[in-house]
Amino acid sequence: MANVPSDLKYTKDHEWVRVSGKSAVVGITDYAQRTLGDVVYVELPKVGDTFEASAPFGSIESVKAVSEAYAPLSGKVAKVNEELTASPEMINEDPYGDGWIIELELSDSKQLDGLLSAAQYEAYLKEEASE
């Protein structure tokens, strides 16, 4: 079973969110990185770019496929993980730590209510696996 830290929020697109005040760090889940396989390239947005919730903000290329990464919440990009440019494999090695992708300044913190808890995300994964 995939690693699903209980202190994070999740999306059905397999992104995780770590909220701190009015900002949120975003990455892809352990399940997502396992499904993708070895990550070889990450397309990052620019600091200052703004995204609406569910809009694609970049892409993650693996040996298997290219997948869009979606903004789990609306906001402005405050930081990007530049280290992923040289070391995209950090997403595979530490998806919840050094493999983070962007940090957003949230424009509507009420959107957090639409994210999944760890228990809800685990239930969603089980549901997907049984289909």
Protein backbone atom coordinates (compact mmCIF):
# COMPACT_ATOMS: atom_id res chain seq x y z
CA MET A 1 0.00 0.00 0.00
CA ALA A 2 1.16 3.54 -0.73
CA ASN A 3 2.52 5.80 2.00
CA VAL A 4 -0.19 8.34 2.95
CA PRO A 5 0.97 10.74 5.72
CA SER A 6 -1.94 11.70 7.97
CA ASP A 7 -0.89 15.37 8.31
CA LEU A 8 -1.46 16.20 4.63
CA LYS A 9 -4.49 16.89 2.42
CA TYR A 10 -4.96 15.12 -0.93
CA THR A 11 -6.68 15.37 -4.30
CA LYS A 12 -8.17 12.72 -6.54
CA ASP A 13 -5.47 13.72 -9.06
CA HIS A 14 -2.91 12.30 -6.58
CA GLU A 15 -1.40 15.56 -5.38
CA TRP A 16 -0.69 16.23 -1.73
CA VAL A 17 -0.91 19.58 0.07
CA ARG A 18 0.88 20.73 3.23
CA VAL A 19 -0.81 23.90 4.48
CA SER A 20 0.97 26.47 6.61
CA GLY A 21 -0.95 29.70 7.21
CA LYS A 22 -1.89 31.19 3.82
CA SER A 23 0.53 29.06 1.82
CA ALA A 24 0.53 25.45 0.67
CA VAL A 25 3.38 23.22 -0.50
CA VAL A 26 2.29 20.83 -3.27
CA GLY A 27 3.72 17.59 -4.62
CA ILE A 28 2.56 14.27 -6.02
CA THR A 29 1.73 11.34 -3.78
CA ASP A 30 3.73 8.19 -3.21
CA TYR A 31 1.04 6.34 -5.16
CA ALA A 32 1.45 8.72 -8.12
CA GLN A 33 5.25 8.46 -8.23
CA ARG A 34 5.05 4.64 -8.03
CA THR A 35 2.50 4.57 -10.86
CA LEU A 36 4.63 6.86 -13.03
CA GLY A 37 7.88 4.99 -12.45
CA ASP A 38 11.26 6.71 -12.70
CA VAL A 39 10.76 10.47 -13.08
CA VAL A 40 13.16 11.92 -15.66
CA TYR A 41 11.92 15.50 -16.15
CA VAL A 42 9.70 18.02 -14.36
CA GLU A 43 8.24 21.10 -16.06
CA LEU A 44 7.85 23.82 -13.43
CA PRO A 45 5.80 27.02 -13.55
CA LYS A 46 7.40 30.41 -12.91
CA VAL A 47 7.28 32.16 -9.55
CA GLY A 48 4.43 34.68 -9.78
CA ASP A 49 2.27 32.55 -12.10
CA THR A 50 -1.30 32.22 -10.88
CA PHE A 51 -3.52 29.15 -11.21
CA GLU A 52 -7.11 28.30 -10.51
CA ALA A 53 -7.85 25.08 -8.63
CA SER A 54 -7.71 22.04 -10.98
CA ALA A 55 -5.73 23.91 -13.67
CA PRO A 56 -2.53 22.22 -14.89
CA PHE A 57 0.57 23.99 -13.59
CA GLY A 58 3.27 21.78 -15.10
CA SER A 59 4.08 18.25 -16.11
CA ILE A 60 6.01 15.27 -14.85
CA GLU A 61 7.74 13.02 -17.35
CA SER A 62 8.69 9.49 -16.44
CA VAL A 63 10.07 6.54 -18.32
CA LYS A 64 6.43 5.41 -18.78
CA ALA A 65 4.46 8.58 -19.54
CA VAL A 66 4.04 12.34 -19.29
CA SER A 67 1.44 13.44 -16.74
CA GLU A 68 0.00 16.85 -15.99
CA ALA A 69 0.33 18.23 -12.47
CA TYR A 70 -2.78 20.10 -11.32
CA ALA A 71 -3.08 22.96 -8.86
CA PRO A 72 -5.06 21.57 -5.92
CA LEU A 73 -6.01 25.10 -4.84
CA SER A 74 -6.21 28.54 -6.44
CA GLY A 75 -3.25 30.80 -5.83
CA LYS A 76 0.01 32.39 -6.91
CA VAL A 77 3.26 30.43 -7.15
CA ALA A 78 5.50 31.66 -4.32
CA LYS A 79 8.31 29.11 -4.81
CA VAL A 80 9.25 26.29 -7.13
CA ASN A 81 11.58 23.41 -6.30
CA GLU A 82 14.42 24.31 -8.69
CA GLU A 83 16.39 21.24 -7.54
CA LEU A 84 13.96 19.08 -9.53
CA THR A 85 15.40 20.51 -12.75
CA ALA A 86 18.74 18.79 -12.12
CA SER A 87 17.41 15.93 -9.96
CA PRO A 88 13.84 14.99 -10.97
CA GLU A 89 14.33 11.59 -9.30
CA MET A 90 13.85 13.36 -5.94
CA ILE A 91 10.11 12.92 -6.58
CA ASN A 92 10.61 9.13 -6.51
CA GLU A 93 13.05 9.16 -3.60
CA ASP A 94 11.14 11.49 -1.25
CA PRO A 95 7.72 12.52 -2.64
CA TYR A 96 6.61 14.15 0.64
CA GLY A 97 9.91 15.88 1.46
CA ASP A 98 12.62 16.96 -0.97
CA GLY A 99 10.38 15.99 -3.90
CA TRP A 100 7.88 18.82 -3.35
CA ILE A 101 7.08 20.73 -6.55
CA ILE A 102 5.62 24.19 -5.82
CA GLU A 103 4.48 26.43 -3.00
CA LEU A 104 1.29 28.43 -3.54
CA GLU A 105 0.08 31.60 -1.84
CA LEU A 106 -3.57 30.68 -1.41
CA SER A 107 -6.20 33.00 -2.81
CA ASP A 108 -9.16 31.17 -1.20
CA SER A 109 -8.47 29.09 1.90
CA LYS A 110 -12.10 27.85 1.85
CA GLN A 111 -11.03 25.56 -1.00
CA LEU A 112 -9.17 23.46 1.58
CA ASP A 113 -12.55 22.04 2.58
CA GLY A 114 -12.73 20.33 -0.82
CA LEU A 115 -9.53 18.34 -0.32
CA LEU A 116 -9.39 14.77 0.98
CA SER A 117 -8.10 13.73 4.39
CA ALA A 118 -5.54 10.91 4.53
CA ALA A 119 -8.31 8.42 5.42
CA GLN A 120 -10.49 9.64 2.53
CA TYR A 121 -7.55 9.42 0.10
CA GLU A 122 -6.72 5.87 1.24
CA ALA A 123 -10.37 4.90 0.70
CA TYR A 124 -10.22 6.50 -2.76
CA LEU A 125 -7.09 4.47 -3.63
CA LYS A 126 -8.81 1.24 -2.55
CA GLU A 127 -11.84 2.19 -4.65
CA GLU A 128 -9.64 2.85 -7.71
CA ALA A 129 -7.76 -0.43 -7.22
CA SER A 130 -10.99 -2.44 -7.19
CA GLU A 131 -12.25 -0.95 -10.48
